[in-house]
Protein backbone atom coordinates (compact mmCIF):
# COMPACT_ATOMS: atom_id res chain seq x y z
CA MET A 1 -10.14 55.91 -28.61
CA ASN A 2 -8.63 52.66 -27.39
CA LEU A 3 -10.25 49.84 -29.35
CA PRO A 4 -11.05 46.64 -27.47
CA PHE A 5 -9.35 44.65 -30.25
CA ASP A 6 -6.49 44.86 -32.75
CA ALA A 7 -7.85 46.27 -36.03
CA ASN A 8 -4.92 44.68 -37.87
CA ALA A 9 -5.87 41.19 -36.70
CA VAL A 10 -8.98 40.94 -38.90
CA GLN A 11 -9.72 40.60 -42.60
CA THR A 12 -11.46 43.66 -44.00
CA PRO A 13 -14.18 44.57 -44.46
CA CYS A 14 -15.64 43.08 -41.31
CA TYR A 15 -17.94 43.70 -38.39
CA VAL A 16 -16.55 43.26 -34.90
CA VAL A 17 -18.85 43.07 -31.88
CA ASP A 18 -17.32 43.30 -28.42
CA ARG A 19 -18.69 41.06 -25.67
CA GLU A 20 -17.81 43.40 -22.79
CA LEU A 21 -19.45 46.44 -24.41
CA LEU A 22 -22.53 44.38 -25.23
CA GLN A 23 -22.66 43.03 -21.70
CA HIS A 24 -22.47 46.56 -20.30
CA ASN A 25 -25.66 47.45 -22.21
CA LEU A 26 -27.40 44.25 -21.15
CA ALA A 27 -26.61 44.78 -17.49
CA LEU A 28 -28.12 48.27 -17.63
CA LEU A 29 -31.24 46.95 -19.35
CA ALA A 30 -31.61 44.17 -16.80
CA GLN A 31 -31.40 46.75 -14.01
CA VAL A 32 -34.10 48.85 -15.71
CA ALA A 33 -36.34 45.79 -16.00
CA GLN A 34 -35.87 45.09 -12.31
CA ASP A 35 -36.40 48.67 -11.17
CA ALA A 36 -39.43 49.22 -13.40
CA ASP A 37 -40.91 45.76 -12.85
CA CYS A 38 -41.24 45.15 -16.57
CA LYS A 39 -39.91 42.78 -19.21
CA ILE A 40 -37.43 43.79 -21.89
CA LEU A 41 -37.15 41.94 -25.21
CA LEU A 42 -34.50 42.00 -27.92
CA ALA A 43 -35.88 43.54 -31.11
CA GLN A 44 -34.07 41.36 -33.62
CA LYS A 45 -34.73 43.77 -36.48
CA ALA A 46 -31.81 45.85 -35.16
CA PHE A 47 -29.42 43.16 -33.97
CA SER A 48 -29.59 39.46 -34.81
CA MET A 49 -26.08 38.21 -34.09
CA TYR A 50 -27.24 34.96 -32.55
CA TYR A 51 -23.70 34.04 -31.54
CA PHE A 52 -24.39 36.30 -28.56
CA TYR A 53 -27.95 35.11 -27.90
CA PRO A 54 -26.89 32.86 -24.99
CA LEU A 55 -25.40 35.96 -23.35
CA ILE A 56 -28.44 38.09 -24.13
CA GLY A 57 -30.71 35.41 -22.69
CA GLN A 58 -29.02 35.81 -19.32
CA TYR A 59 -30.25 39.42 -19.11
CA LEU A 60 -33.44 39.81 -21.17
CA SER A 61 -36.82 38.06 -21.14
CA GLY A 62 -36.83 37.00 -24.77
CA SER A 63 -37.12 38.41 -28.27
CA THR A 64 -39.51 40.13 -30.61
CA ALA A 65 -39.77 39.53 -34.34
CA SER A 66 -41.07 41.31 -37.42
CA GLY A 67 -41.57 38.16 -39.46
CA LEU A 68 -41.49 34.39 -39.50
CA TYR A 69 -37.74 33.90 -39.85
CA GLU A 70 -36.92 36.28 -37.01
CA ALA A 71 -39.50 34.55 -34.83
CA ARG A 72 -37.93 31.18 -35.53
CA LEU A 73 -34.43 32.51 -34.88
CA GLY A 74 -35.47 33.98 -31.55
CA LYS A 75 -37.26 30.82 -30.48
CA GLU A 76 -34.43 28.47 -31.49
CA GLU A 77 -31.40 30.50 -30.47
CA LEU A 78 -32.51 32.79 -27.62
CA GLY A 79 -35.55 31.20 -26.02
CA GLY A 80 -37.62 32.90 -23.37
CA GLU A 81 -40.71 34.75 -24.54
CA THR A 82 -41.13 35.12 -28.28
CA HIS A 83 -43.27 37.97 -29.59
CA ILE A 84 -44.10 38.89 -33.17
CA PHE A 85 -45.68 41.84 -34.94
CA SER A 86 -46.26 42.12 -38.68
CA PRO A 87 -48.31 44.65 -40.65
CA ALA A 88 -50.01 41.62 -42.21
CA TYR A 89 -49.72 37.85 -41.73
CA THR A 90 -50.24 35.40 -44.59
CA ASP A 91 -52.17 32.14 -44.56
CA ARG A 92 -49.20 30.15 -45.83
CA GLU A 93 -46.96 31.23 -42.94
CA PHE A 94 -49.39 31.54 -40.08
CA ASP A 95 -49.27 27.98 -38.76
CA GLU A 96 -45.48 28.13 -38.58
CA ILE A 97 -45.65 31.53 -36.91
CA LEU A 98 -47.86 29.96 -34.26
CA ARG A 99 -45.23 27.30 -33.64
CA HIS A 100 -42.52 29.84 -32.95
CA SER A 101 -44.40 32.71 -31.25
CA GLY A 102 -46.04 33.01 -27.86
CA HIS A 103 -47.38 36.55 -28.28
CA LEU A 104 -48.88 37.75 -31.56
CA VAL A 105 -49.67 41.40 -32.28
CA PHE A 106 -52.08 42.22 -35.09
CA ASN A 107 -52.03 45.43 -37.09
CA SER A 108 -55.73 45.69 -37.87
CA PHE A 109 -59.08 44.36 -36.76
CA ALA A 110 -59.40 42.68 -40.17
CA GLN A 111 -56.24 40.66 -39.48
CA TRP A 112 -57.40 39.92 -35.95
CA THR A 113 -60.78 38.58 -37.04
CA LYS A 114 -59.17 36.55 -39.84
CA PHE A 115 -56.69 34.74 -37.59
CA ARG A 116 -58.40 35.03 -34.19
CA ASP A 117 -59.74 31.48 -33.91
CA ARG A 118 -56.47 29.84 -35.00
CA ALA A 119 -54.39 31.95 -32.63
CA LEU A 120 -56.64 31.39 -29.62
CA ALA A 121 -56.96 27.67 -30.34
CA ALA A 122 -53.16 27.52 -30.18
CA ASP A 123 -53.33 29.23 -26.74
CA LYS A 124 -51.42 32.35 -27.85
CA SER A 125 -51.53 35.72 -26.12
CA CYS A 126 -52.82 38.14 -28.73
CA GLY A 127 -52.61 41.90 -28.96
CA LEU A 128 -53.47 44.77 -31.26
CA ARG A 129 -51.15 47.54 -32.40
CA VAL A 130 -52.64 50.99 -31.94
CA ASN A 131 -51.52 54.25 -33.47
CA PRO A 132 -51.99 57.35 -31.27
CA MET A 133 -50.99 59.62 -34.20
CA HIS A 134 -48.57 61.38 -31.86
CA SER A 135 -45.41 62.17 -33.83
CA THR A 136 -42.31 62.98 -31.79
CA GLN A 137 -39.53 62.70 -34.37
CA ASP A 138 -38.20 64.22 -37.58
CA HIS A 139 -37.24 61.05 -39.46
CA GLY A 140 -40.24 60.54 -41.74
CA ILE A 141 -39.13 57.13 -42.95
CA TYR A 142 -39.12 55.91 -39.32
CA ASP A 143 -42.26 57.71 -38.08
CA PRO A 144 -45.15 55.23 -37.63
CA CYS A 145 -47.39 58.15 -36.62
CA ALA A 146 -46.98 60.08 -39.87
CA ALA A 147 -50.16 60.93 -41.74
CA GLY A 148 -51.27 58.01 -43.86
CA SER A 149 -49.24 55.47 -41.89
CA ARG A 150 -50.16 51.82 -42.43
CA LEU A 151 -48.99 50.87 -38.93
CA GLY A 152 -51.50 50.47 -36.12
CA VAL A 153 -55.18 51.13 -35.57
CA THR A 154 -56.12 54.77 -35.01
CA LEU A 155 -58.85 55.83 -32.62
CA GLU A 156 -61.07 56.66 -35.60
CA HIS A 157 -61.03 53.03 -36.67
CA PHE A 158 -60.94 51.38 -33.24
CA ARG A 159 -63.67 48.79 -32.70
CA PRO A 160 -64.23 47.98 -29.01
CA GLU A 161 -66.79 45.30 -29.86
CA LEU A 162 -63.98 43.16 -31.33
CA LEU A 163 -61.71 43.23 -28.28
CA ASP A 164 -62.86 39.88 -26.93
CA GLY A 165 -59.89 37.52 -26.91
CA LEU A 166 -57.27 40.26 -27.08
CA GLU A 167 -54.98 40.46 -24.05
CA GLY A 168 -52.79 43.43 -24.92
CA LEU A 169 -52.19 46.63 -26.83
CA HIS A 170 -48.94 47.52 -28.55
CA PHE A 171 -47.70 50.92 -29.66
CA HIS A 172 -44.40 51.78 -31.31
CA THR A 173 -43.73 55.42 -32.14
CA LEU A 174 -40.11 56.16 -31.21
CA CYS A 175 -36.74 56.04 -32.96
CA GLU A 176 -33.53 56.72 -31.02
CA GLN A 177 -35.47 58.84 -28.50
CA ASP A 178 -35.48 59.67 -24.81
CA ALA A 179 -38.02 59.03 -22.07
CA ASP A 180 -39.69 62.43 -22.45
CA ASP A 181 -41.01 61.40 -25.87
CA LEU A 182 -42.17 58.10 -24.44
CA GLU A 183 -43.97 59.97 -21.67
CA SER A 184 -45.86 62.26 -24.04
CA THR A 185 -46.72 59.30 -26.28
CA LEU A 186 -47.94 57.27 -23.34
CA LEU A 187 -50.25 60.08 -22.27
CA ALA A 188 -51.71 60.18 -25.80
CA VAL A 189 -52.22 56.40 -25.74
CA GLU A 190 -53.95 56.57 -22.36
CA GLU A 191 -56.19 59.42 -23.45
CA GLN A 192 -57.33 57.59 -26.57
CA PHE A 193 -57.32 53.94 -25.51
CA GLY A 194 -57.06 53.93 -21.70
CA ALA A 195 -60.75 53.15 -21.28
CA TYR A 196 -60.04 49.64 -22.58
CA PHE A 197 -57.03 48.85 -20.37
CA GLN A 198 -59.22 47.13 -17.78
CA LYS A 199 -59.96 44.38 -20.30
CA LEU A 200 -56.25 43.70 -20.90
CA LYS A 201 -53.31 41.86 -19.33
CA TRP A 202 -50.36 43.68 -20.91
CA LEU A 203 -49.18 46.80 -22.67
CA ASN A 204 -46.19 46.83 -25.02
CA PHE A 205 -44.37 50.17 -25.31
CA GLY A 206 -42.59 49.07 -28.51
CA GLY A 207 -39.02 50.07 -29.34
CA GLY A 208 -36.96 53.14 -30.15
CA HIS A 209 -35.98 53.69 -26.50
CA HIS A 210 -32.30 54.75 -26.46
CA ILE A 211 -31.91 53.46 -22.92
CA THR A 212 -28.19 52.70 -23.05
CA ARG A 213 -27.18 56.01 -24.63
CA PRO A 214 -25.22 58.23 -22.23
CA GLY A 215 -27.57 60.87 -20.85
CA TYR A 216 -30.78 58.89 -21.37
CA ASP A 217 -33.24 59.65 -18.56
CA VAL A 218 -33.53 56.17 -17.09
CA ALA A 219 -35.31 57.40 -13.96
CA ARG A 220 -38.07 58.95 -16.08
CA LEU A 221 -38.52 55.72 -18.00
CA VAL A 222 -38.78 53.72 -14.79
CA LYS A 223 -41.27 56.20 -13.34
CA ASN A 224 -43.56 55.92 -16.37
CA VAL A 225 -43.44 52.14 -16.50
CA ARG A 226 -44.15 51.82 -12.78
CA ARG A 227 -47.04 54.28 -13.04
CA VAL A 228 -48.71 52.12 -15.67
CA ARG A 229 -48.03 48.97 -13.67
CA GLU A 230 -49.51 50.44 -10.50
CA THR A 231 -52.40 52.34 -12.09
CA TYR A 232 -53.73 49.63 -14.38
CA GLY A 233 -52.22 46.40 -13.07
CA LEU A 234 -50.86 45.60 -16.53
CA ALA A 235 -47.64 43.81 -17.39
CA VAL A 236 -45.38 46.10 -19.42
CA TYR A 237 -43.02 45.13 -22.22
CA LEU A 238 -40.25 47.17 -23.80
CA GLU A 239 -38.63 45.95 -27.01
CA PRO A 240 -35.54 48.07 -27.76
CA GLY A 241 -33.27 47.15 -30.64
CA GLU A 242 -30.49 49.71 -30.86
CA ALA A 243 -30.13 49.93 -27.08
CA ILE A 244 -29.03 46.30 -26.93
CA ALA A 245 -25.89 46.72 -29.03
CA LEU A 246 -25.42 50.50 -29.00
CA HIS A 247 -21.70 51.38 -29.27
CA ALA A 248 -20.79 47.68 -29.01
CA GLY A 249 -19.91 47.06 -32.67
CA PHE A 250 -17.43 48.28 -35.25
CA LEU A 251 -16.79 48.00 -38.98
CA VAL A 252 -13.13 47.71 -39.97
CA THR A 253 -12.28 48.77 -43.52
CA GLU A 254 -9.20 49.47 -45.59
CA VAL A 255 -8.35 52.34 -47.94
CA ILE A 256 -7.94 50.80 -51.40
CA ASP A 257 -7.52 53.92 -53.53
CA LEU A 258 -7.35 57.71 -53.41
CA VAL A 259 -9.01 59.83 -56.10
CA GLU A 260 -9.10 63.65 -56.40
CA ASN A 261 -11.86 65.49 -58.25
CA SER A 262 -12.66 69.23 -58.16
CA GLY A 263 -10.67 69.71 -55.00
CA VAL A 264 -12.29 66.77 -53.21
CA LEU A 265 -10.00 63.99 -52.01
CA ASN A 266 -11.91 60.72 -52.20
CA ALA A 267 -10.76 57.73 -50.17
CA ILE A 268 -12.25 54.60 -51.68
CA LEU A 269 -12.74 51.90 -49.07
CA ASP A 270 -13.40 48.18 -49.31
CA ALA A 271 -16.58 48.78 -47.28
CA SER A 272 -19.72 50.17 -48.89
CA ALA A 273 -22.34 52.46 -47.38
CA ALA A 274 -24.94 51.09 -49.79
CA CYS A 275 -24.12 47.43 -49.13
CA HIS A 276 -22.71 47.20 -45.64
CA MET A 277 -24.37 50.05 -43.72
CA PRO A 278 -27.50 51.04 -45.68
CA ASP A 279 -28.86 53.26 -42.91
CA VAL A 280 -26.07 55.74 -43.68
CA ILE A 281 -27.97 56.46 -46.89
CA GLU A 282 -31.54 55.68 -45.79
CA MET A 283 -31.64 57.55 -42.49
CA PRO A 284 -29.36 59.35 -43.35
CA TYR A 285 -26.71 59.59 -40.68
CA ARG A 286 -22.97 60.10 -40.33
CA PRO A 287 -21.30 57.17 -38.57
CA PRO A 288 -18.36 57.90 -36.28
CA VAL A 289 -14.90 57.07 -37.61
CA ILE A 290 -12.41 56.45 -34.82
CA ASP A 291 -9.77 59.21 -34.42
CA SER A 292 -11.30 61.42 -37.10
CA GLY A 293 -12.93 64.85 -37.06
CA ALA A 294 -15.50 66.77 -39.05
CA ALA A 295 -14.51 68.08 -42.46
CA GLY A 296 -11.87 70.77 -41.99
CA GLU A 297 -11.47 70.13 -38.27
CA LYS A 298 -8.14 68.32 -38.74
CA PRO A 299 -5.47 69.05 -41.35
CA HIS A 300 -6.45 66.43 -43.94
CA THR A 301 -10.05 66.01 -45.15
CA TYR A 302 -11.33 63.11 -47.25
CA ARG A 303 -14.66 61.96 -48.60
CA LEU A 304 -15.04 58.31 -47.66
CA GLY A 305 -16.82 56.20 -50.24
CA GLY A 306 -17.42 52.60 -51.15
CA PRO A 307 -16.28 50.47 -54.09
CA THR A 308 -19.67 50.09 -55.83
CA CYS A 309 -20.79 51.78 -59.04
CA LEU A 310 -23.37 53.86 -57.16
CA ALA A 311 -22.29 57.50 -57.31
CA GLY A 312 -23.98 58.11 -53.97
CA ASP A 313 -22.15 55.29 -52.18
CA ILE A 314 -20.73 57.88 -49.80
CA ILE A 315 -20.15 57.53 -46.06
CA GLY A 316 -19.29 61.19 -45.49
CA ASP A 317 -16.52 63.77 -45.21
CA TYR A 318 -13.98 63.27 -42.42
CA SER A 319 -10.67 64.83 -41.44
CA PHE A 320 -7.52 63.19 -40.07
CA ASP A 321 -4.29 64.25 -38.40
CA ALA A 322 -2.15 62.70 -41.14
CA PRO A 323 -2.73 62.04 -44.85
CA LEU A 324 -4.45 58.74 -45.61
CA ARG A 325 -2.48 56.15 -47.54
CA ILE A 326 -3.58 53.13 -49.52
CA GLY A 327 -3.62 50.22 -47.09
CA ASP A 328 -4.56 52.30 -44.04
CA ARG A 329 -7.27 50.81 -41.87
CA LEU A 330 -10.21 52.83 -40.61
CA VAL A 331 -12.65 51.78 -37.92
CA LEU A 332 -16.26 52.93 -37.96
CA GLY A 333 -18.14 52.90 -34.67
CA ASP A 334 -21.66 51.86 -33.73
CA MET A 335 -21.85 49.26 -36.48
CA ALA A 336 -23.58 46.38 -34.68
CA ILE A 337 -27.05 47.84 -35.20
CA TYR A 338 -28.97 47.93 -38.48
CA SER A 339 -25.90 46.80 -40.40
CA MET A 340 -25.67 42.99 -40.42
CA VAL A 341 -29.47 42.78 -40.55
CA LYS A 342 -29.70 45.12 -43.57
CA ASN A 343 -26.58 44.45 -45.62
CA ASN A 344 -26.77 43.24 -49.20
CA THR A 345 -24.67 42.08 -52.15
CA PHE A 346 -25.43 44.81 -54.68
CA ASN A 347 -22.74 44.89 -57.41
CA GLY A 348 -21.61 41.47 -56.23
CA MET A 349 -20.07 42.96 -53.11
CA ALA A 350 -18.97 40.37 -50.59
CA LEU A 351 -20.66 40.54 -47.24
CA PRO A 352 -18.27 41.54 -44.43
CA ASN A 353 -16.98 38.80 -42.18
CA ILE A 354 -18.27 38.84 -38.61
CA TYR A 355 -15.93 38.70 -35.62
CA ALA A 356 -16.51 38.59 -31.88
CA SER A 357 -14.10 40.51 -29.69
CA GLU A 358 -13.62 38.84 -26.33
CA GLY A 359 -10.98 39.73 -23.78
CA GLY A 360 -8.92 41.65 -26.32
CA SER A 361 -8.74 38.85 -28.87
CA VAL A 362 -10.91 38.38 -31.94
CA LYS A 363 -12.72 35.26 -33.07
CA LEU A 364 -14.07 34.76 -36.59
CA VAL A 365 -17.74 33.89 -36.16
CA LYS A 366 -18.91 33.90 -39.76
CA SER A 367 -17.30 34.35 -43.18
CA PHE A 368 -19.03 34.83 -46.52
CA GLU A 369 -17.98 33.65 -49.96
CA TYR A 370 -19.16 33.66 -53.58
CA GLU A 371 -21.78 31.01 -52.87
CA ASP A 372 -23.53 33.33 -50.41
CA PHE A 373 -23.93 35.85 -53.22
CA LYS A 374 -24.93 33.28 -55.83
CA GLY A 375 -27.36 31.55 -53.46
CA ARG A 376 -29.58 34.64 -53.39
CA LEU A 377 -29.92 34.61 -57.17
CA SER A 378 -31.28 32.22 -59.77
């Protein structure tokens, strides 16, 4: 693969996000919004590199947040519409949430009745998250429709008598999925809650739509959104996260040691799965490493691991055309999403610097030092 930047021109470990690749995703999303007659929001929980928010604002309608700080970031740096959903709001934060959010989604009727008067007095558009209990995925940790889920009101606990003042319903059930799963979920939502659509102004389809992934059925997505628009006269929102920066970011790391144990060649990197890409362990998933193959596919196989004390700080097994050497640089793909927003300083690991790649050159956007680690402690 030809990288859009020089991997030797950066200090490792670091994230690099490419403007042109990001813009390619945004242009596709803007076209979907136009064709489907809907609004698309940036889900900041996946990608919050606000250096690029002015660019994102040229293509999307605004942002969605999972908490106060994300709401403030979206309002201050991106603008447009600002939406927020939280499983539970607190009294001490709610007034500030009202200052930064135009649309508020509540997770339960108890939360709605608690904050209803304050939200409506502030002239906010309020909605309720519903849970159709329609699972379409295998990742339990990311399945809001799993049995016992705390996310969204199920039909069993739905209270139509408390709908007064609510303008929308929100459902979020997908994770890295295609439009067929959205379609089946939407049918379940309509069957269970469609009788109440006439009282509403909008419907939010949540996130997890892998719209910018090659092969995604964009036409099917557009068809389903337009059907809802035309059948019920509702505004429709989509709030993808991964789709915004999919394949637009990289993590550059350096081999700092090589260790053999029981026939396994370990390449210790200056980047950590546990600290710098936690989803590799949580999901789990195997991130792409540029110009590598699966274990055994190429002549030289290594287990890539991080520099922390955690025995399981493992990225995965990869093979290469030539033996790795200390000082070699490796580039991991698809590292803009759920990396910067989730990273941490376990073991006193330094956070990776953040670069923007623009026109083939790289620009240091943010660097982190000891004080960033110390500032999180007491």
